[in-house]
N, C-alpha and C. Protein backbone atom coordinates (compact mmCIF):
# COMPACT_ATOMS: atom_id res chain seq x y z
N MET A 1 -14.23 -29.45 64.77
CA MET A 1 -13.40 -29.51 63.58
C MET A 1 -13.23 -30.97 63.19
N THR A 2 -13.39 -31.28 61.92
CA THR A 2 -13.25 -32.63 61.42
C THR A 2 -11.79 -32.92 61.10
N LYS A 3 -11.32 -34.07 61.55
CA LYS A 3 -9.95 -34.48 61.24
C LYS A 3 -9.93 -35.22 59.92
N LYS A 4 -8.91 -34.98 59.13
CA LYS A 4 -8.71 -35.70 57.89
C LYS A 4 -7.32 -36.28 57.90
N THR A 5 -7.21 -37.55 57.66
CA THR A 5 -5.92 -38.21 57.61
C THR A 5 -5.49 -38.35 56.16
N VAL A 6 -4.31 -37.83 55.85
CA VAL A 6 -3.74 -37.94 54.51
C VAL A 6 -2.30 -38.38 54.67
N ARG A 7 -1.87 -39.32 53.87
CA ARG A 7 -0.49 -39.78 53.93
C ARG A 7 0.41 -38.76 53.24
N LEU A 8 1.52 -38.41 53.92
CA LEU A 8 2.43 -37.42 53.35
C LEU A 8 2.95 -37.82 51.98
N GLN A 9 3.20 -39.11 51.78
CA GLN A 9 3.72 -39.55 50.48
C GLN A 9 2.73 -39.30 49.35
N GLU A 10 1.46 -39.06 49.71
CA GLU A 10 0.46 -38.72 48.70
C GLU A 10 0.54 -37.24 48.32
N LEU A 11 1.23 -36.43 49.12
CA LEU A 11 1.26 -34.98 48.89
C LEU A 11 2.60 -34.47 48.38
N VAL A 12 3.69 -34.93 48.97
CA VAL A 12 5.02 -34.39 48.62
C VAL A 12 5.32 -34.68 47.15
N GLY A 13 5.68 -33.63 46.45
CA GLY A 13 5.98 -33.73 45.02
C GLY A 13 4.80 -33.49 44.11
N LYS A 14 3.61 -33.39 44.68
CA LYS A 14 2.40 -33.19 43.86
C LYS A 14 2.25 -31.72 43.45
N LEU A 15 1.74 -31.53 42.26
CA LEU A 15 1.47 -30.20 41.72
C LEU A 15 0.28 -29.57 42.42
N VAL A 16 0.40 -28.29 42.73
CA VAL A 16 -0.68 -27.53 43.36
C VAL A 16 -1.13 -26.43 42.39
N LEU A 17 -2.43 -26.32 42.22
CA LEU A 17 -3.02 -25.24 41.42
C LEU A 17 -3.74 -24.30 42.36
N ASP A 18 -3.91 -23.05 41.93
CA ASP A 18 -4.66 -22.13 42.80
C ASP A 18 -6.14 -22.20 42.44
N VAL A 19 -6.93 -21.39 43.10
CA VAL A 19 -8.38 -21.40 42.92
C VAL A 19 -8.78 -21.05 41.48
N ASN A 20 -7.91 -20.36 40.76
CA ASN A 20 -8.18 -19.98 39.37
C ASN A 20 -7.63 -20.97 38.37
N GLY A 21 -6.99 -22.05 38.87
CA GLY A 21 -6.41 -23.05 37.98
C GLY A 21 -4.98 -22.76 37.56
N ALA A 22 -4.38 -21.68 38.09
CA ALA A 22 -2.99 -21.34 37.76
C ALA A 22 -2.04 -22.26 38.53
N ARG A 23 -0.97 -22.64 37.88
CA ARG A 23 0.04 -23.50 38.49
C ARG A 23 0.77 -22.72 39.58
N VAL A 24 0.87 -23.32 40.77
CA VAL A 24 1.56 -22.70 41.90
C VAL A 24 2.94 -23.33 42.07
N GLY A 25 3.04 -24.62 41.95
CA GLY A 25 4.28 -25.36 42.12
C GLY A 25 4.01 -26.70 42.77
N ARG A 26 5.08 -27.36 43.16
CA ARG A 26 4.96 -28.68 43.79
C ARG A 26 5.26 -28.58 45.28
N ILE A 27 4.56 -29.38 46.08
CA ILE A 27 4.83 -29.43 47.52
C ILE A 27 6.19 -30.07 47.72
N ARG A 28 7.06 -29.36 48.42
CA ARG A 28 8.41 -29.86 48.66
C ARG A 28 8.69 -30.11 50.13
N CYS A 29 7.92 -29.47 51.01
CA CYS A 29 8.16 -29.60 52.44
C CYS A 29 6.83 -29.44 53.17
N VAL A 30 6.65 -30.25 54.21
CA VAL A 30 5.45 -30.15 55.04
C VAL A 30 5.92 -29.91 56.47
N ARG A 31 5.45 -28.84 57.07
CA ARG A 31 5.79 -28.52 58.46
C ARG A 31 4.64 -28.97 59.35
N ALA A 32 4.97 -29.78 60.36
CA ALA A 32 3.94 -30.32 61.24
C ALA A 32 4.42 -30.31 62.68
N GLU A 33 3.47 -30.45 63.60
CA GLU A 33 3.77 -30.51 65.03
C GLU A 33 3.02 -31.68 65.65
N ARG A 34 3.56 -32.21 66.74
CA ARG A 34 2.88 -33.26 67.49
C ARG A 34 1.74 -32.64 68.29
N ASP A 35 0.62 -33.31 68.29
CA ASP A 35 -0.54 -32.92 69.10
C ASP A 35 -1.07 -34.20 69.73
N GLY A 36 -0.53 -34.54 70.91
CA GLY A 36 -0.85 -35.82 71.53
C GLY A 36 -0.30 -36.95 70.68
N ASP A 37 -1.18 -37.85 70.26
CA ASP A 37 -0.77 -38.97 69.40
C ASP A 37 -0.78 -38.62 67.92
N ASP A 38 -1.27 -37.43 67.60
CA ASP A 38 -1.40 -37.02 66.20
C ASP A 38 -0.23 -36.14 65.78
N CYS A 39 -0.04 -36.07 64.49
CA CYS A 39 0.91 -35.14 63.88
C CYS A 39 0.05 -34.20 63.03
N VAL A 40 0.06 -32.90 63.37
CA VAL A 40 -0.83 -31.94 62.74
C VAL A 40 -0.04 -31.02 61.80
N VAL A 41 -0.45 -30.96 60.55
CA VAL A 41 0.21 -30.11 59.56
C VAL A 41 -0.09 -28.66 59.87
N ARG A 42 0.95 -27.82 59.87
CA ARG A 42 0.80 -26.38 60.10
C ARG A 42 0.91 -25.60 58.79
N GLU A 43 1.85 -26.03 57.90
CA GLU A 43 1.99 -25.35 56.61
C GLU A 43 2.71 -26.24 55.62
N TYR A 44 2.56 -25.87 54.36
CA TYR A 44 3.21 -26.54 53.26
C TYR A 44 4.15 -25.54 52.60
N GLU A 45 5.33 -25.98 52.15
CA GLU A 45 6.23 -25.12 51.38
C GLU A 45 6.23 -25.64 49.96
N ILE A 46 6.06 -24.70 49.04
CA ILE A 46 5.89 -25.05 47.63
C ILE A 46 6.95 -24.37 46.78
N GLY A 47 7.43 -25.08 45.76
CA GLY A 47 8.34 -24.51 44.78
C GLY A 47 9.77 -24.98 44.93
N ALA A 48 10.59 -24.63 43.93
CA ALA A 48 12.00 -25.04 43.91
C ALA A 48 12.76 -24.48 45.09
N ALA A 49 12.46 -23.27 45.50
CA ALA A 49 13.16 -22.67 46.64
C ALA A 49 12.88 -23.47 47.91
N ALA A 50 11.69 -24.07 48.01
CA ALA A 50 11.36 -24.91 49.17
C ALA A 50 12.21 -26.18 49.17
N LEU A 51 12.44 -26.73 48.00
CA LEU A 51 13.27 -27.93 47.90
C LEU A 51 14.70 -27.62 48.34
N LEU A 52 15.23 -26.49 47.87
CA LEU A 52 16.59 -26.10 48.26
C LEU A 52 16.68 -25.84 49.76
N SER A 53 15.70 -25.15 50.31
CA SER A 53 15.75 -24.84 51.74
C SER A 53 15.60 -26.10 52.58
N ARG A 54 14.89 -27.08 52.06
CA ARG A 54 14.73 -28.36 52.76
C ARG A 54 16.09 -29.02 52.99
N PHE A 55 16.99 -28.83 52.04
CA PHE A 55 18.33 -29.39 52.15
C PHE A 55 19.33 -28.40 52.71
N GLY A 56 18.86 -27.23 53.16
CA GLY A 56 19.73 -26.23 53.77
C GLY A 56 20.57 -25.48 52.76
N ILE A 57 20.09 -25.40 51.52
CA ILE A 57 20.83 -24.70 50.47
C ILE A 57 20.03 -23.46 50.09
N SER A 58 20.66 -22.31 50.18
CA SER A 58 19.98 -21.09 49.72
C SER A 58 20.39 -20.81 48.29
N ALA A 59 19.57 -20.06 47.59
CA ALA A 59 19.91 -19.68 46.22
C ALA A 59 21.23 -18.91 46.20
N LEU A 60 21.47 -18.10 47.22
CA LEU A 60 22.70 -17.32 47.30
C LEU A 60 23.92 -18.23 47.34
N SER A 61 23.91 -19.22 48.21
CA SER A 61 25.08 -20.09 48.33
C SER A 61 25.23 -21.01 47.13
N LEU A 62 24.14 -21.28 46.44
CA LEU A 62 24.20 -22.18 45.31
C LEU A 62 24.83 -21.54 44.09
N ILE A 63 24.48 -20.29 43.79
CA ILE A 63 25.00 -19.67 42.57
C ILE A 63 25.77 -18.39 42.81
N GLY A 64 25.82 -17.92 44.04
CA GLY A 64 26.64 -16.76 44.33
C GLY A 64 25.91 -15.44 44.41
N TRP A 65 24.64 -15.38 44.09
CA TRP A 65 23.88 -14.14 44.25
C TRP A 65 22.41 -14.48 44.51
N PRO A 66 21.71 -13.59 45.16
CA PRO A 66 20.31 -13.89 45.50
C PRO A 66 19.41 -13.84 44.27
N LEU A 67 18.48 -14.76 44.24
CA LEU A 67 17.51 -14.78 43.15
C LEU A 67 16.20 -14.11 43.55
N GLY A 68 16.09 -13.74 44.83
CA GLY A 68 14.86 -13.12 45.30
C GLY A 68 13.72 -14.11 45.42
N ARG A 69 14.04 -15.39 45.47
CA ARG A 69 13.00 -16.41 45.57
C ARG A 69 13.09 -17.09 46.93
N GLU A 70 12.01 -17.13 47.62
CA GLU A 70 11.89 -17.83 48.89
C GLU A 70 10.76 -18.84 48.72
N PRO A 71 10.76 -19.87 49.56
CA PRO A 71 9.66 -20.84 49.45
C PRO A 71 8.30 -20.17 49.64
N LEU A 72 7.34 -20.64 48.93
CA LEU A 72 5.97 -20.17 49.09
C LEU A 72 5.35 -20.98 50.23
N CYS A 73 4.97 -20.30 51.31
CA CYS A 73 4.40 -20.97 52.48
C CYS A 73 2.88 -20.93 52.41
N VAL A 74 2.27 -22.10 52.51
CA VAL A 74 0.82 -22.21 52.44
C VAL A 74 0.30 -22.72 53.78
N PRO A 75 -0.47 -21.91 54.49
CA PRO A 75 -1.06 -22.38 55.75
C PRO A 75 -1.93 -23.61 55.49
N TRP A 76 -2.00 -24.49 56.46
CA TRP A 76 -2.73 -25.76 56.31
C TRP A 76 -4.15 -25.56 55.83
N ASN A 77 -4.80 -24.50 56.28
CA ASN A 77 -6.21 -24.31 55.94
C ASN A 77 -6.43 -23.67 54.56
N GLN A 78 -5.35 -23.34 53.86
CA GLN A 78 -5.47 -22.75 52.52
C GLN A 78 -5.26 -23.78 51.40
N LEU A 79 -4.99 -25.05 51.77
CA LEU A 79 -4.78 -26.08 50.77
C LEU A 79 -5.84 -27.17 50.91
N ASP A 80 -6.58 -27.39 49.84
CA ASP A 80 -7.60 -28.44 49.82
C ASP A 80 -6.93 -29.76 49.47
N VAL A 81 -6.86 -30.67 50.46
CA VAL A 81 -6.23 -31.97 50.26
C VAL A 81 -7.27 -33.09 50.18
N SER A 82 -8.53 -32.73 49.98
CA SER A 82 -9.59 -33.74 49.93
C SER A 82 -9.36 -34.73 48.79
N ASP A 83 -8.72 -34.31 47.71
CA ASP A 83 -8.34 -35.20 46.62
C ASP A 83 -6.84 -35.02 46.39
N PRO A 84 -6.00 -35.90 46.96
CA PRO A 84 -4.54 -35.75 46.84
C PRO A 84 -4.02 -35.74 45.40
N GLN A 85 -4.84 -36.20 44.45
CA GLN A 85 -4.42 -36.18 43.05
C GLN A 85 -4.69 -34.83 42.38
N ARG A 86 -5.49 -34.00 43.02
CA ARG A 86 -5.85 -32.67 42.47
C ARG A 86 -5.80 -31.65 43.60
N LEU A 87 -4.59 -31.27 43.99
CA LEU A 87 -4.42 -30.32 45.10
C LEU A 87 -4.70 -28.91 44.62
N ARG A 88 -5.51 -28.19 45.38
CA ARG A 88 -5.88 -26.82 45.02
C ARG A 88 -5.80 -25.90 46.21
N LEU A 89 -5.30 -24.69 45.96
CA LEU A 89 -5.36 -23.65 46.99
C LEU A 89 -6.80 -23.18 47.10
N ARG A 90 -7.13 -22.64 48.23
CA ARG A 90 -8.46 -22.06 48.42
C ARG A 90 -8.44 -20.56 48.14
N CYS A 91 -7.34 -20.10 47.57
CA CYS A 91 -7.18 -18.67 47.25
C CYS A 91 -6.31 -18.56 46.00
N ALA A 92 -6.13 -17.34 45.51
CA ALA A 92 -5.21 -17.10 44.39
C ALA A 92 -3.80 -17.12 44.93
N LYS A 93 -2.83 -17.56 44.13
CA LYS A 93 -1.45 -17.67 44.62
C LYS A 93 -0.88 -16.31 45.02
N GLU A 94 -1.37 -15.24 44.44
CA GLU A 94 -0.89 -13.90 44.79
C GLU A 94 -1.26 -13.50 46.22
N GLU A 95 -2.23 -14.18 46.80
CA GLU A 95 -2.66 -13.86 48.17
C GLU A 95 -1.76 -14.49 49.23
N LEU A 96 -0.85 -15.39 48.80
CA LEU A 96 0.05 -16.04 49.74
C LEU A 96 1.36 -15.27 49.85
N SER A 97 2.09 -15.51 50.94
CA SER A 97 3.36 -14.78 51.12
C SER A 97 4.53 -15.76 51.04
N ARG A 98 5.65 -15.25 50.63
CA ARG A 98 6.89 -16.02 50.63
C ARG A 98 7.45 -15.97 52.04
N SER A 99 8.13 -17.05 52.45
CA SER A 99 8.69 -17.08 53.81
C SER A 99 9.84 -16.10 53.91
N GLU A 100 10.10 -15.68 55.13
CA GLU A 100 11.18 -14.71 55.38
C GLU A 100 12.45 -15.43 55.73
């Protein structure tokens, strides 16, 4: 497997499109784990709900009722980061699941 180094500041806040060119949202959170001396990305959270959850705020506590929106979780291997200025999913956004 080839390693690719990408700076997080190049990704967070960037717009992500799906394989069909449809807007998915912006990267708001990156989940990673230590692997020896490396930090390996496991998934990306996309959308406004991801931003709120990053700060520990749920839609329910913010406005008083659930909006039915959870962050969109993108596994590391479903996001093409080869060009940080043009982030694309490797699938349609409908194929991804919202976090529980």
